[in-house]
């Protein structure tokens, strides 16, 4: 049985923020809005029951992990950084992350 308790763990929220910071810096952004991590956590919270059902249907070796979710955070922040850059900004906003989330909807687990 899959265990996705890490999704709602306060320490995971800190890991999300760290990953947002890293990904934004790697994309050449000078800043990011700290509310981005809260936004991503809210997406996870709203999808957790559905993700748990999906993961329980898989065999253990196919179940995804916290590391998979953090890779997805990177993908979303990288995409959001592209939007910020295209707008001539060096700061990633919540609006950028929302646009990235919509563009990548159901393409990056567990953000669906």
N, C-alpha and C. Protein backbone atom coordinates (compact mmCIF):
# COMPACT_ATOMS: atom_id res chain seq x y z
N UNK A 1 0.84 -1.18 0.00
CA UNK A 1 0.00 0.00 0.00
C UNK A 1 0.88 1.24 0.00
N UNK A 2 0.57 2.19 -0.86
CA UNK A 2 1.35 3.43 -0.98
C UNK A 2 1.15 4.29 0.26
N UNK A 3 2.21 4.97 0.61
CA UNK A 3 2.16 5.89 1.73
C UNK A 3 2.57 7.27 1.21
N UNK A 4 1.62 8.17 1.13
CA UNK A 4 1.89 9.52 0.65
C UNK A 4 1.81 10.54 1.77
N UNK A 5 2.03 10.10 3.00
CA UNK A 5 1.98 11.01 4.14
C UNK A 5 2.98 12.15 4.01
N UNK A 6 4.08 11.90 3.32
CA UNK A 6 5.08 12.94 3.13
C UNK A 6 4.51 14.17 2.43
N UNK A 7 3.42 13.99 1.66
CA UNK A 7 2.82 15.13 0.96
C UNK A 7 2.33 16.21 1.92
N UNK A 8 1.89 15.82 3.08
CA UNK A 8 1.36 16.79 4.04
C UNK A 8 2.31 17.03 5.22
N UNK A 9 3.52 16.52 5.13
CA UNK A 9 4.52 16.71 6.18
C UNK A 9 5.08 18.13 6.10
N UNK A 10 5.14 18.87 7.22
CA UNK A 10 5.70 20.22 7.20
C UNK A 10 7.14 20.27 6.68
N UNK A 11 7.90 19.21 6.91
CA UNK A 11 9.27 19.18 6.39
C UNK A 11 9.28 19.11 4.86
N UNK A 12 8.28 18.46 4.28
CA UNK A 12 8.21 18.40 2.82
C UNK A 12 7.93 19.79 2.25
N UNK A 13 7.15 20.57 2.95
CA UNK A 13 6.88 21.96 2.52
C UNK A 13 8.20 22.73 2.44
N UNK A 14 9.10 22.49 3.38
CA UNK A 14 10.41 23.13 3.37
C UNK A 14 11.24 22.62 2.18
N UNK A 15 11.13 21.33 1.89
CA UNK A 15 11.84 20.77 0.74
C UNK A 15 11.32 21.37 -0.57
N UNK A 16 10.03 21.60 -0.64
CA UNK A 16 9.46 22.24 -1.83
C UNK A 16 10.08 23.62 -1.99
N UNK A 17 10.12 24.39 -0.91
CA UNK A 17 10.68 25.74 -0.97
C UNK A 17 12.15 25.70 -1.41
N UNK A 18 12.90 24.76 -0.89
CA UNK A 18 14.31 24.62 -1.27
C UNK A 18 14.43 24.30 -2.75
N UNK A 19 13.58 23.41 -3.23
CA UNK A 19 13.62 23.03 -4.65
C UNK A 19 13.21 24.19 -5.54
N UNK A 20 12.23 24.97 -5.11
CA UNK A 20 11.81 26.16 -5.87
C UNK A 20 12.99 27.12 -5.97
N UNK A 21 13.67 27.34 -4.87
CA UNK A 21 14.82 28.25 -4.85
C UNK A 21 15.91 27.78 -5.80
N UNK A 22 16.24 26.51 -5.73
CA UNK A 22 17.28 25.95 -6.61
C UNK A 22 16.92 26.07 -8.08
N UNK A 23 15.71 25.65 -8.40
CA UNK A 23 15.28 25.65 -9.80
C UNK A 23 15.22 27.06 -10.37
N UNK A 24 14.72 28.00 -9.57
CA UNK A 24 14.65 29.40 -10.03
C UNK A 24 16.06 29.94 -10.28
N UNK A 25 16.97 29.67 -9.37
CA UNK A 25 18.35 30.14 -9.53
C UNK A 25 18.99 29.51 -10.76
N UNK A 26 18.79 28.22 -10.96
CA UNK A 26 19.36 27.55 -12.13
C UNK A 26 18.79 28.09 -13.43
N UNK A 27 17.58 28.61 -13.37
CA UNK A 27 16.95 29.18 -14.56
C UNK A 27 17.33 30.65 -14.75
N UNK A 28 18.20 31.16 -13.88
CA UNK A 28 18.67 32.53 -14.03
C UNK A 28 17.79 33.58 -13.37
N UNK A 29 16.87 33.13 -12.55
CA UNK A 29 16.00 34.07 -11.85
C UNK A 29 16.71 34.61 -10.61
N UNK A 30 16.51 35.88 -10.32
CA UNK A 30 17.13 36.49 -9.15
C UNK A 30 16.29 36.30 -7.89
N UNK A 31 14.97 36.16 -8.08
CA UNK A 31 14.07 36.01 -6.94
C UNK A 31 12.89 35.13 -7.33
N UNK A 32 12.18 34.72 -6.30
CA UNK A 32 10.90 34.04 -6.51
C UNK A 32 10.01 34.40 -5.34
N UNK A 33 8.73 34.37 -5.58
CA UNK A 33 7.78 34.66 -4.50
C UNK A 33 7.68 33.45 -3.60
N UNK A 34 7.82 33.66 -2.31
CA UNK A 34 7.79 32.55 -1.35
C UNK A 34 6.43 31.86 -1.35
N UNK A 35 5.40 32.53 -1.78
CA UNK A 35 4.07 31.92 -1.83
C UNK A 35 3.98 30.81 -2.87
N UNK A 36 4.96 30.69 -3.74
CA UNK A 36 4.96 29.62 -4.75
C UNK A 36 4.94 28.26 -4.06
N UNK A 37 5.74 28.07 -3.03
CA UNK A 37 5.77 26.79 -2.32
C UNK A 37 4.41 26.50 -1.69
N UNK A 38 3.76 27.52 -1.17
CA UNK A 38 2.41 27.33 -0.61
C UNK A 38 1.42 26.92 -1.69
N UNK A 39 1.55 27.54 -2.85
CA UNK A 39 0.66 27.21 -3.98
C UNK A 39 0.86 25.76 -4.40
N UNK A 40 2.12 25.35 -4.54
CA UNK A 40 2.39 23.97 -4.92
C UNK A 40 1.91 22.99 -3.85
N UNK A 41 2.09 23.33 -2.58
CA UNK A 41 1.60 22.47 -1.51
C UNK A 41 0.09 22.35 -1.56
N UNK A 42 -0.61 23.43 -1.88
CA UNK A 42 -2.08 23.36 -1.96
C UNK A 42 -2.51 22.47 -3.12
N UNK A 43 -1.77 22.50 -4.24
CA UNK A 43 -2.07 21.59 -5.35
C UNK A 43 -1.92 20.14 -4.88
N UNK A 44 -0.86 19.88 -4.14
CA UNK A 44 -0.64 18.52 -3.63
C UNK A 44 -1.73 18.10 -2.66
N UNK A 45 -2.09 19.00 -1.76
CA UNK A 45 -3.12 18.69 -0.77
C UNK A 45 -4.44 18.35 -1.45
N UNK A 46 -4.78 19.08 -2.50
CA UNK A 46 -6.07 18.84 -3.15
C UNK A 46 -6.07 17.55 -3.97
N UNK A 47 -4.90 17.11 -4.42
CA UNK A 47 -4.85 15.91 -5.25
C UNK A 47 -4.45 14.66 -4.47
N UNK A 48 -4.12 14.79 -3.20
CA UNK A 48 -3.60 13.66 -2.42
C UNK A 48 -4.51 12.44 -2.40
N UNK A 49 -5.81 12.58 -2.14
CA UNK A 49 -6.66 11.37 -2.11
C UNK A 49 -6.66 10.62 -3.46
N UNK A 50 -6.70 11.37 -4.55
CA UNK A 50 -6.70 10.74 -5.88
C UNK A 50 -5.36 10.07 -6.14
N UNK A 51 -4.26 10.74 -5.76
CA UNK A 51 -2.92 10.17 -5.96
C UNK A 51 -2.76 8.88 -5.16
N UNK A 52 -3.29 8.86 -3.95
CA UNK A 52 -3.18 7.67 -3.10
C UNK A 52 -3.89 6.49 -3.76
N UNK A 53 -5.07 6.71 -4.30
CA UNK A 53 -5.79 5.63 -4.99
C UNK A 53 -4.98 5.12 -6.19
N UNK A 54 -4.45 6.04 -6.97
CA UNK A 54 -3.68 5.65 -8.14
C UNK A 54 -2.43 4.85 -7.77
N UNK A 55 -1.72 5.32 -6.75
CA UNK A 55 -0.49 4.65 -6.36
C UNK A 55 -0.77 3.28 -5.74
N UNK A 56 -1.89 3.14 -5.06
CA UNK A 56 -2.24 1.85 -4.46
C UNK A 56 -2.56 0.80 -5.52
N UNK A 57 -2.91 1.22 -6.70
CA UNK A 57 -3.21 0.29 -7.79
C UNK A 57 -1.94 -0.27 -8.43
N UNK A 58 -0.81 0.36 -8.15
CA UNK A 58 0.45 -0.04 -8.76
C UNK A 58 1.18 -1.02 -7.86
N UNK A 59 2.05 -1.80 -8.47
CA UNK A 59 2.91 -2.66 -7.66
C UNK A 59 3.97 -1.76 -7.02
N UNK A 60 4.54 -2.22 -5.93
CA UNK A 60 5.47 -1.40 -5.13
C UNK A 60 6.60 -0.81 -5.96
N UNK A 61 7.15 -1.56 -6.88
CA UNK A 61 8.29 -1.08 -7.66
C UNK A 61 7.91 0.04 -8.64
N UNK A 62 6.63 0.22 -8.90
CA UNK A 62 6.17 1.26 -9.82
C UNK A 62 5.64 2.49 -9.09
N UNK A 63 5.51 2.41 -7.78
CA UNK A 63 4.97 3.53 -7.03
C UNK A 63 5.98 4.68 -7.01
N UNK A 64 5.45 5.88 -7.06
CA UNK A 64 6.30 7.06 -7.10
C UNK A 64 6.59 7.56 -5.69
N UNK A 65 7.61 8.41 -5.61
CA UNK A 65 8.11 8.82 -4.31
C UNK A 65 8.15 10.34 -4.17
N UNK A 66 8.58 10.76 -3.00
CA UNK A 66 8.78 12.17 -2.72
C UNK A 66 9.79 12.76 -3.71
N UNK A 67 10.81 12.01 -4.06
CA UNK A 67 11.82 12.49 -5.00
C UNK A 67 11.20 12.75 -6.38
N UNK A 68 10.25 11.91 -6.77
CA UNK A 68 9.54 12.14 -8.04
C UNK A 68 8.77 13.46 -7.97
N UNK A 69 8.15 13.72 -6.84
CA UNK A 69 7.39 14.97 -6.67
C UNK A 69 8.32 16.18 -6.71
N UNK A 70 9.48 16.07 -6.09
CA UNK A 70 10.44 17.18 -6.11
C UNK A 70 10.97 17.43 -7.52
N UNK A 71 11.17 16.37 -8.30
CA UNK A 71 11.55 16.56 -9.70
C UNK A 71 10.46 17.32 -10.45
N UNK A 72 9.22 17.02 -10.13
CA UNK A 72 8.10 17.72 -10.77
C UNK A 72 8.07 19.19 -10.36
N UNK A 73 8.40 19.47 -9.12
CA UNK A 73 8.50 20.87 -8.68
C UNK A 73 9.52 21.60 -9.56
N UNK A 74 10.66 20.95 -9.79
CA UNK A 74 11.69 21.55 -10.65
C UNK A 74 11.17 21.84 -12.05
N UNK A 75 10.44 20.88 -12.60
CA UNK A 75 9.88 21.06 -13.95
C UNK A 75 8.94 22.27 -13.97
N UNK A 76 8.07 22.36 -12.98
CA UNK A 76 7.11 23.47 -12.94
C UNK A 76 7.80 24.81 -12.74
N UNK A 77 8.79 24.87 -11.88
CA UNK A 77 9.50 26.13 -11.63
C UNK A 77 10.33 26.53 -12.86
N UNK A 78 10.91 25.57 -13.52
CA UNK A 78 11.66 25.86 -14.75
C UNK A 78 10.73 26.45 -15.81
N UNK A 79 9.56 25.85 -15.95
CA UNK A 79 8.57 26.37 -16.90
C UNK A 79 8.11 27.76 -16.48
N UNK A 80 7.84 27.94 -15.21
CA UNK A 80 7.40 29.25 -14.70
C UNK A 80 8.49 30.30 -14.92
N UNK A 81 9.74 29.91 -14.78
CA UNK A 81 10.86 30.83 -15.01
C UNK A 81 10.91 31.28 -16.47
N UNK A 82 10.55 30.39 -17.35
CA UNK A 82 10.49 30.76 -18.78
C UNK A 82 9.45 31.85 -19.00
N UNK A 83 8.32 31.73 -18.34
CA UNK A 83 7.28 32.76 -18.46
C UNK A 83 7.77 34.09 -17.91
N UNK A 84 8.44 34.05 -16.77
CA UNK A 84 8.97 35.28 -16.17
C UNK A 84 10.00 35.91 -17.10
N UNK A 85 10.88 35.09 -17.63
CA UNK A 85 11.91 35.58 -18.53
C UNK A 85 11.29 36.19 -19.80
N UNK A 86 10.29 35.52 -20.35
CA UNK A 86 9.62 36.02 -21.55
C UNK A 86 8.95 37.37 -21.29
N UNK A 87 8.55 37.60 -20.05
CA UNK A 87 7.93 38.87 -19.67
C UNK A 87 8.97 39.92 -19.27
N UNK A 88 10.24 39.54 -19.37
CA UNK A 88 11.32 40.47 -19.05
C UNK A 88 11.57 40.64 -17.56
N UNK A 89 11.18 39.64 -16.79
CA UNK A 89 11.37 39.70 -15.34
C UNK A 89 12.43 38.72 -14.88
N UNK A 90 13.02 39.02 -13.75
CA UNK A 90 13.98 38.13 -13.10
C UNK A 90 13.42 37.59 -11.79
N UNK A 91 12.10 37.65 -11.66
CA UNK A 91 11.42 37.15 -10.47
C UNK A 91 10.27 36.25 -10.90
N UNK A 92 10.19 35.09 -10.30
CA UNK A 92 9.12 34.14 -10.60
C UNK A 92 7.96 34.42 -9.64
N UNK A 93 6.77 34.56 -10.20
CA UNK A 93 5.60 34.89 -9.40
C UNK A 93 4.66 33.68 -9.29
N UNK A 94 3.69 33.81 -8.41
CA UNK A 94 2.67 32.78 -8.27
C UNK A 94 1.90 32.63 -9.58
N UNK A 95 1.67 33.75 -10.26
CA UNK A 95 0.97 33.69 -11.54
C UNK A 95 1.76 32.86 -12.55
N UNK A 96 3.09 32.98 -12.53
CA UNK A 96 3.92 32.17 -13.42
C UNK A 96 3.78 30.68 -13.09
N UNK A 97 3.77 30.36 -11.82
CA UNK A 97 3.66 28.94 -11.42
C UNK A 97 2.27 28.41 -11.76
N UNK A 98 1.25 29.25 -11.63
CA UNK A 98 -0.10 28.83 -12.01
C UNK A 98 -0.18 28.56 -13.51
N UNK A 99 0.46 29.40 -14.30
CA UNK A 99 0.47 29.20 -15.75
C UNK A 99 1.24 27.92 -16.10
N UNK A 100 2.35 27.69 -15.42
CA UNK A 100 3.13 26.46 -15.65
C UNK A 100 2.32 25.24 -15.26
N UNK A 101 1.63 25.33 -14.15
CA UNK A 101 0.77 24.22 -13.69
C UNK A 101 -0.29 23.90 -14.74
N UNK A 102 -0.91 24.92 -15.29
CA UNK A 102 -1.93 24.71 -16.33
C UNK A 102 -1.31 24.11 -17.59
N UNK A 103 -0.15 24.61 -17.97
CA UNK A 103 0.51 24.12 -19.18
C UNK A 103 0.97 22.68 -19.03
N UNK A 104 1.37 22.30 -17.84
CA UNK A 104 1.89 20.95 -17.60
C UNK A 104 0.89 20.06 -16.87
N UNK A 105 -0.36 20.49 -16.82
CA UNK A 105 -1.37 19.76 -16.06
C UNK A 105 -1.39 18.29 -16.46
N UNK A 106 -1.26 17.44 -15.45
CA UNK A 106 -1.25 15.98 -15.58
C UNK A 106 -0.06 15.45 -16.39
N UNK A 107 0.94 16.28 -16.60
CA UNK A 107 2.17 15.81 -17.25
C UNK A 107 3.26 15.56 -16.23
N UNK A 108 3.11 16.15 -15.04
CA UNK A 108 4.12 15.97 -13.99
C UNK A 108 3.42 15.50 -12.72
N UNK A 109 3.81 14.32 -12.27
CA UNK A 109 3.21 13.74 -11.08
C UNK A 109 3.78 14.42 -9.85
N UNK A 110 3.03 14.66 -8.85
CA UNK A 110 1.62 14.39 -8.58
C UNK A 110 0.72 15.61 -8.83
N UNK A 111 1.18 16.53 -9.67
CA UNK A 111 0.42 17.75 -9.93
C UNK A 111 -0.58 17.52 -11.05
N UNK A 112 -1.76 17.09 -10.65
CA UNK A 112 -2.81 16.77 -11.63
C UNK A 112 -4.16 16.98 -11.00
